[in-house]
């Protein structure tokens, strides 16, 4: 049984860890991940480096993982919010378009967080029993959208992986400036048509 003092200490620890993660995220979004060092983070939040390491003993790599997990949680919320309410009467194409737009919007608005989630090494397992819940929830939102189609895929898990890969590819190539300018709507429309079949 925890005492009020122990509960308060645990709450303060969680708040400090959230503050460190938020500061890392802001610094990465403003200046890129190369700017995120334990020294700069300690300066930004007003703690010493030993305090920072007390929360994240593995240093920067553990902080990047924490940022990625927050990003996965936010992405899951965005993808879930894109799903229509039961009985909303939206077509399968509308549902898929909402999912794709929510995904691409997240990637565009949070480029450094997205980079932590999908491009930097993190200590979180994908597609396994150990996959963190936030990561599973985002994937499940994709599966649920596909299952709501008039003709759902025979293998929804694999189909969701392919859809995720397609959305990730579009997000990555857009960010890298590898696509034609001003063609976003047609590109999204083409992706949606290919998913809906």
C-alpha atoms as a PDB file:
ATOM      1  CA  UNK A   1       0.000   0.000   0.000  1.00  0.00           C
ATOM      2  CA  UNK A   2       1.470   3.327  -1.020  1.00  0.00           C
ATOM      3  CA  UNK A   3       1.647   6.257   1.337  1.00  0.00           C
ATOM      4  CA  UNK A   4       0.592   9.785   0.347  1.00  0.00           C
ATOM      5  CA  UNK A   5       4.269  10.796   0.353  1.00  0.00           C
ATOM      6  CA  UNK A   6       5.202   7.917  -1.972  1.00  0.00           C
ATOM      7  CA  UNK A   7       2.290   8.738  -4.284  1.00  0.00           C
ATOM      8  CA  UNK A   8       3.341  12.398  -4.378  1.00  0.00           C
ATOM      9  CA  UNK A   9       6.944  11.427  -5.130  1.00  0.00           C
ATOM     10  CA  UNK A  10       5.820   9.135  -7.959  1.00  0.00           C
ATOM     11  CA  UNK A  11       3.597  11.882  -9.380  1.00  0.00           C
ATOM     12  CA  UNK A  12       6.448  14.410  -9.279  1.00  0.00           C
ATOM     13  CA  UNK A  13       8.730  11.903 -11.011  1.00  0.00           C
ATOM     14  CA  UNK A  14       6.169  11.356 -13.772  1.00  0.00           C
ATOM     15  CA  UNK A  15       5.725  15.125 -14.172  1.00  0.00           C
ATOM     16  CA  UNK A  16       9.498  15.619 -14.457  1.00  0.00           C
ATOM     17  CA  UNK A  17       9.803  12.843 -17.030  1.00  0.00           C
ATOM     18  CA  UNK A  18       6.945  14.374 -19.038  1.00  0.00           C
ATOM     19  CA  UNK A  19       8.705  17.750 -18.828  1.00  0.00           C
ATOM     20  CA  UNK A  20      11.955  16.246 -20.125  1.00  0.00           C
ATOM     21  CA  UNK A  21      10.152  14.506 -23.005  1.00  0.00           C
ATOM     22  CA  UNK A  22       8.238  17.688 -23.888  1.00  0.00           C
ATOM     23  CA  UNK A  23      11.455  19.732 -23.869  1.00  0.00           C
ATOM     24  CA  UNK A  24      13.208  17.169 -26.087  1.00  0.00           C
ATOM     25  CA  UNK A  25      10.322  17.252 -28.486  1.00  0.00           C
ATOM     26  CA  UNK A  26      10.257  21.047 -28.700  1.00  0.00           C
ATOM     27  CA  UNK A  27      14.008  21.205 -29.207  1.00  0.00           C
ATOM     28  CA  UNK A  28      13.877  18.514 -31.914  1.00  0.00           C
ATOM     29  CA  UNK A  29      10.941  20.157 -33.706  1.00  0.00           C
ATOM     30  CA  UNK A  30      12.685  23.550 -33.667  1.00  0.00           C
ATOM     31  CA  UNK A  31      16.287  22.523 -34.368  1.00  0.00           C
ATOM     32  CA  UNK A  32      16.352  18.851 -35.357  1.00  0.00           C
ATOM     33  CA  UNK A  33      17.383  15.777 -33.390  1.00  0.00           C
ATOM     34  CA  UNK A  34      21.085  16.592 -33.674  1.00  0.00           C
ATOM     35  CA  UNK A  35      20.394  19.522 -31.321  1.00  0.00           C
ATOM     36  CA  UNK A  36      18.942  17.224 -28.645  1.00  0.00           C
ATOM     37  CA  UNK A  37      21.776  16.434 -26.269  1.00  0.00           C
ATOM     38  CA  UNK A  38      21.514  15.668 -22.577  1.00  0.00           C
ATOM     39  CA  UNK A  39      23.439  18.850 -21.804  1.00  0.00           C
ATOM     40  CA  UNK A  40      21.111  21.075 -23.847  1.00  0.00           C
ATOM     41  CA  UNK A  41      18.069  19.324 -22.422  1.00  0.00           C
ATOM     42  CA  UNK A  42      19.303  19.767 -18.857  1.00  0.00           C
ATOM     43  CA  UNK A  43      19.833  23.478 -19.565  1.00  0.00           C
ATOM     44  CA  UNK A  44      16.390  23.811 -21.180  1.00  0.00           C
ATOM     45  CA  UNK A  45      14.514  22.344 -18.236  1.00  0.00           C
ATOM     46  CA  UNK A  46      16.714  23.734 -15.469  1.00  0.00           C
ATOM     47  CA  UNK A  47      17.876  20.396 -14.078  1.00  0.00           C
ATOM     48  CA  UNK A  48      21.356  18.982 -13.863  1.00  0.00           C
ATOM     49  CA  UNK A  49      22.459  16.202 -16.189  1.00  0.00           C
ATOM     50  CA  UNK A  50      22.553  13.715 -13.260  1.00  0.00           C
ATOM     51  CA  UNK A  51      18.858  14.455 -12.588  1.00  0.00           C
ATOM     52  CA  UNK A  52      18.097  13.872 -16.257  1.00  0.00           C
ATOM     53  CA  UNK A  53      20.017  10.574 -16.200  1.00  0.00           C
ATOM     54  CA  UNK A  54      18.150   9.665 -13.009  1.00  0.00           C
ATOM     55  CA  UNK A  55      14.977   9.636 -15.089  1.00  0.00           C
ATOM     56  CA  UNK A  56      16.485   8.333 -18.331  1.00  0.00           C
ATOM     57  CA  UNK A  57      19.574   6.266 -17.406  1.00  0.00           C
ATOM     58  CA  UNK A  58      20.254   5.387 -21.051  1.00  0.00           C
ATOM     59  CA  UNK A  59      20.336   9.069 -21.985  1.00  0.00           C
ATOM     60  CA  UNK A  60      19.336  10.397 -25.372  1.00  0.00           C
ATOM     61  CA  UNK A  61      18.279   7.041 -26.874  1.00  0.00           C
ATOM     62  CA  UNK A  62      15.812   6.453 -24.064  1.00  0.00           C
ATOM     63  CA  UNK A  63      14.472   9.999 -24.432  1.00  0.00           C
ATOM     64  CA  UNK A  64      14.009   9.517 -28.193  1.00  0.00           C
ATOM     65  CA  UNK A  65      12.050   6.342 -27.434  1.00  0.00           C
ATOM     66  CA  UNK A  66       9.881   8.229 -24.929  1.00  0.00           C
ATOM     67  CA  UNK A  67       9.171  10.947 -27.519  1.00  0.00           C
ATOM     68  CA  UNK A  68       8.302   8.275 -30.096  1.00  0.00           C
ATOM     69  CA  UNK A  69       5.870   6.589 -27.706  1.00  0.00           C
ATOM     70  CA  UNK A  70       4.127   9.901 -26.999  1.00  0.00           C
ATOM     71  CA  UNK A  71       3.927  10.391 -30.759  1.00  0.00           C
ATOM     72  CA  UNK A  72       2.390   6.949 -31.247  1.00  0.00           C
ATOM     73  CA  UNK A  73      -0.168   7.755 -28.589  1.00  0.00           C
ATOM     74  CA  UNK A  74      -1.092  11.035 -30.299  1.00  0.00           C
ATOM     75  CA  UNK A  75      -1.207   9.367 -33.719  1.00  0.00           C
ATOM     76  CA  UNK A  76      -3.525   6.668 -32.360  1.00  0.00           C
ATOM     77  CA  UNK A  77      -5.852   9.360 -31.022  1.00  0.00           C
ATOM     78  CA  UNK A  78      -5.808  11.188 -34.372  1.00  0.00           C
ATOM     79  CA  UNK A  79      -6.505   8.022 -36.365  1.00  0.00           C
ATOM     80  CA  UNK A  80      -9.254   6.947 -33.985  1.00  0.00           C
ATOM     81  CA  UNK A  81     -10.850  10.394 -34.171  1.00  0.00           C
ATOM     82  CA  UNK A  82     -10.902  10.102 -37.976  1.00  0.00           C
ATOM     83  CA  UNK A  83     -13.235   7.101 -37.735  1.00  0.00           C
ATOM     84  CA  UNK A  84     -16.896   8.009 -38.100  1.00  0.00           C
ATOM     85  CA  UNK A  85     -19.323   7.461 -35.276  1.00  0.00           C
ATOM     86  CA  UNK A  86     -21.476   4.351 -35.664  1.00  0.00           C
ATOM     87  CA  UNK A  87     -24.347   5.047 -38.015  1.00  0.00           C
ATOM     88  CA  UNK A  88     -22.707   8.187 -39.420  1.00  0.00           C
ATOM     89  CA  UNK A  89     -23.383   6.861 -42.905  1.00  0.00           C
ATOM     90  CA  UNK A  90     -20.026   7.757 -44.438  1.00  0.00           C
ATOM     91  CA  UNK A  91     -18.844   5.746 -47.404  1.00  0.00           C
ATOM     92  CA  UNK A  92     -15.820   3.479 -47.228  1.00  0.00           C
ATOM     93  CA  UNK A  93     -13.955   5.943 -49.406  1.00  0.00           C
ATOM     94  CA  UNK A  94     -14.770   8.791 -47.001  1.00  0.00           C
ATOM     95  CA  UNK A  95     -13.575   6.738 -44.037  1.00  0.00           C
ATOM     96  CA  UNK A  96     -10.305   5.819 -45.709  1.00  0.00           C
ATOM     97  CA  UNK A  97      -9.763   9.415 -46.860  1.00  0.00           C
ATOM     98  CA  UNK A  98     -10.262  10.652 -43.279  1.00  0.00           C
ATOM     99  CA  UNK A  99      -7.735   8.073 -42.039  1.00  0.00           C
ATOM    100  CA  UNK A 100      -5.142   8.971 -44.691  1.00  0.00           C
ATOM    101  CA  UNK A 101      -5.566  12.713 -44.120  1.00  0.00           C
ATOM    102  CA  UNK A 102      -5.272  12.299 -40.331  1.00  0.00           C
ATOM    103  CA  UNK A 103      -2.067  10.297 -40.770  1.00  0.00           C
ATOM    104  CA  UNK A 104      -0.490  12.717 -43.250  1.00  0.00           C
ATOM    105  CA  UNK A 105      -1.540  15.713 -41.154  1.00  0.00           C
ATOM    106  CA  UNK A 106       0.132  14.250 -38.063  1.00  0.00           C
ATOM    107  CA  UNK A 107       3.355  13.556 -39.973  1.00  0.00           C
ATOM    108  CA  UNK A 108       3.399  17.062 -41.419  1.00  0.00           C
ATOM    109  CA  UNK A 109       2.635  18.871 -38.143  1.00  0.00           C
ATOM    110  CA  UNK A 110       5.140  16.880 -36.048  1.00  0.00           C
ATOM    111  CA  UNK A 111       8.114  16.100 -38.309  1.00  0.00           C
ATOM    112  CA  UNK A 112      10.690  15.503 -35.576  1.00  0.00           C
ATOM    113  CA  UNK A 113       8.319  13.370 -33.544  1.00  0.00           C
ATOM    114  CA  UNK A 114       7.469  11.401 -36.684  1.00  0.00           C
ATOM    115  CA  UNK A 115      11.185  10.982 -37.333  1.00  0.00           C
ATOM    116  CA  UNK A 116      11.640   9.573 -33.821  1.00  0.00           C
ATOM    117  CA  UNK A 117       8.720   7.201 -34.367  1.00  0.00           C
ATOM    118  CA  UNK A 118       9.797   5.785 -37.708  1.00  0.00           C
ATOM    119  CA  UNK A 119      13.341   6.764 -38.661  1.00  0.00           C
ATOM    120  CA  UNK A 120      15.443   6.830 -35.503  1.00  0.00           C
ATOM    121  CA  UNK A 121      16.356   3.701 -33.551  1.00  0.00           C
ATOM    122  CA  UNK A 122      13.939   3.222 -30.655  1.00  0.00           C
ATOM    123  CA  UNK A 123      13.618   0.563 -28.014  1.00  0.00           C
ATOM    124  CA  UNK A 124      10.079  -0.500 -28.772  1.00  0.00           C
ATOM    125  CA  UNK A 125       9.088  -3.667 -30.548  1.00  0.00           C
ATOM    126  CA  UNK A 126       6.824  -3.500 -33.582  1.00  0.00           C
ATOM    127  CA  UNK A 127       4.332  -6.258 -34.427  1.00  0.00           C
ATOM    128  CA  UNK A 128       5.049  -8.454 -31.430  1.00  0.00           C
ATOM    129  CA  UNK A 129       3.665  -9.378 -28.027  1.00  0.00           C
ATOM    130  CA  UNK A 130       5.846  -6.632 -26.518  1.00  0.00           C
ATOM    131  CA  UNK A 131       4.501  -3.852 -28.757  1.00  0.00           C
ATOM    132  CA  UNK A 132       3.423  -0.936 -26.544  1.00  0.00           C
ATOM    133  CA  UNK A 133      -0.312  -0.313 -26.371  1.00  0.00           C
ATOM    134  CA  UNK A 134      -0.158   3.124 -28.035  1.00  0.00           C
ATOM    135  CA  UNK A 135       1.515   1.575 -31.060  1.00  0.00           C
ATOM    136  CA  UNK A 136      -1.088  -1.201 -31.241  1.00  0.00           C
ATOM    137  CA  UNK A 137      -3.959   1.280 -30.960  1.00  0.00           C
ATOM    138  CA  UNK A 138      -2.818   3.230 -34.011  1.00  0.00           C
ATOM    139  CA  UNK A 139      -2.496   0.035 -36.018  1.00  0.00           C
ATOM    140  CA  UNK A 140      -5.896  -1.137 -34.772  1.00  0.00           C
ATOM    141  CA  UNK A 141      -7.454   2.105 -36.027  1.00  0.00           C
ATOM    142  CA  UNK A 142      -6.189   1.254 -39.507  1.00  0.00           C
ATOM    143  CA  UNK A 143      -7.521  -2.308 -39.231  1.00  0.00           C
ATOM    144  CA  UNK A 144     -10.918  -1.065 -38.015  1.00  0.00           C
ATOM    145  CA  UNK A 145     -11.183   1.341 -40.950  1.00  0.00           C
ATOM    146  CA  UNK A 146     -10.475  -1.496 -43.387  1.00  0.00           C
ATOM    147  CA  UNK A 147     -12.938  -3.820 -41.659  1.00  0.00           C
ATOM    148  CA  UNK A 148     -15.679  -1.185 -42.074  1.00  0.00           C
ATOM    149  CA  UNK A 149     -15.331  -1.234 -45.883  1.00  0.00           C
ATOM    150  CA  UNK A 150     -18.110  -2.758 -47.984  1.00  0.00           C
ATOM    151  CA  UNK A 151     -15.578  -5.369 -49.091  1.00  0.00           C
ATOM    152  CA  UNK A 152     -13.183  -5.781 -46.149  1.00  0.00           C
ATOM    153  CA  UNK A 153      -9.854  -7.484 -46.862  1.00  0.00           C
ATOM    154  CA  UNK A 154      -9.564 -11.219 -46.257  1.00  0.00           C
ATOM    155  CA  UNK A 155      -6.376 -10.617 -44.233  1.00  0.00           C
ATOM    156  CA  UNK A 156      -6.974  -7.295 -42.452  1.00  0.00           C
ATOM    157  CA  UNK A 157      -3.673  -7.354 -40.536  1.00  0.00           C
ATOM    158  CA  UNK A 158      -1.552  -7.651 -43.655  1.00  0.00           C
ATOM    159  CA  UNK A 159      -3.749  -5.174 -45.508  1.00  0.00           C
ATOM    160  CA  UNK A 160      -3.293  -2.699 -42.631  1.00  0.00           C
ATOM    161  CA  UNK A 161       0.484  -3.131 -42.833  1.00  0.00           C
ATOM    162  CA  UNK A 162       0.402  -2.326 -46.550  1.00  0.00           C
ATOM    163  CA  UNK A 163      -1.867   0.701 -46.006  1.00  0.00           C
ATOM    164  CA  UNK A 164       0.397   1.905 -43.199  1.00  0.00           C
ATOM    165  CA  UNK A 165       3.407   1.455 -45.487  1.00  0.00           C
ATOM    166  CA  UNK A 166       1.712   3.439 -48.247  1.00  0.00           C
ATOM    167  CA  UNK A 167       0.780   6.303 -45.898  1.00  0.00           C
ATOM    168  CA  UNK A 168       4.281   6.312 -44.439  1.00  0.00           C
ATOM    169  CA  UNK A 169       5.792   6.375 -47.920  1.00  0.00           C
ATOM    170  CA  UNK A 170       3.665   9.341 -48.955  1.00  0.00           C
ATOM    171  CA  UNK A 171       4.449  11.202 -45.710  1.00  0.00           C
ATOM    172  CA  UNK A 172       8.185  10.533 -46.038  1.00  0.00           C
ATOM    173  CA  UNK A 173       8.422  11.466 -49.708  1.00  0.00           C
ATOM    174  CA  UNK A 174       6.352  14.616 -49.177  1.00  0.00           C
ATOM    175  CA  UNK A 175       8.631  15.723 -46.360  1.00  0.00           C
ATOM    176  CA  UNK A 176      11.710  15.036 -48.477  1.00  0.00           C
ATOM    177  CA  UNK A 177      10.296  17.151 -51.329  1.00  0.00           C
ATOM    178  CA  UNK A 178      10.305  14.194 -53.706  1.00  0.00           C
ATOM    179  CA  UNK A 179       6.760  14.690 -55.006  1.00  0.00           C
ATOM    180  CA  UNK A 180       5.316  17.169 -57.487  1.00  0.00           C
ATOM    181  CA  UNK A 181       4.168  20.418 -55.893  1.00  0.00           C
ATOM    182  CA  UNK A 182       0.443  21.099 -55.704  1.00  0.00           C
ATOM    183  CA  UNK A 183      -0.575  17.513 -56.376  1.00  0.00           C
ATOM    184  CA  UNK A 184      -1.518  16.574 -52.798  1.00  0.00           C
ATOM    185  CA  UNK A 185      -5.266  16.145 -53.322  1.00  0.00           C
ATOM    186  CA  UNK A 186      -4.873  13.958 -56.391  1.00  0.00           C
ATOM    187  CA  UNK A 187      -2.189  11.886 -54.664  1.00  0.00           C
ATOM    188  CA  UNK A 188      -4.437  11.304 -51.636  1.00  0.00           C
ATOM    189  CA  UNK A 189      -7.353  10.490 -53.932  1.00  0.00           C
ATOM    190  CA  UNK A 190      -5.288   7.925 -55.812  1.00  0.00           C
ATOM    191  CA  UNK A 191      -4.109   6.305 -52.581  1.00  0.00           C
ATOM    192  CA  UNK A 192      -7.665   6.147 -51.239  1.00  0.00           C
ATOM    193  CA  UNK A 193      -8.988   4.583 -54.465  1.00  0.00           C
ATOM    194  CA  UNK A 194      -6.282   1.928 -54.384  1.00  0.00           C
ATOM    195  CA  UNK A 195      -7.062   1.083 -50.746  1.00  0.00           C
ATOM    196  CA  UNK A 196     -10.820   0.931 -51.248  1.00  0.00           C
ATOM    197  CA  UNK A 197     -10.364  -1.068 -54.447  1.00  0.00           C
END
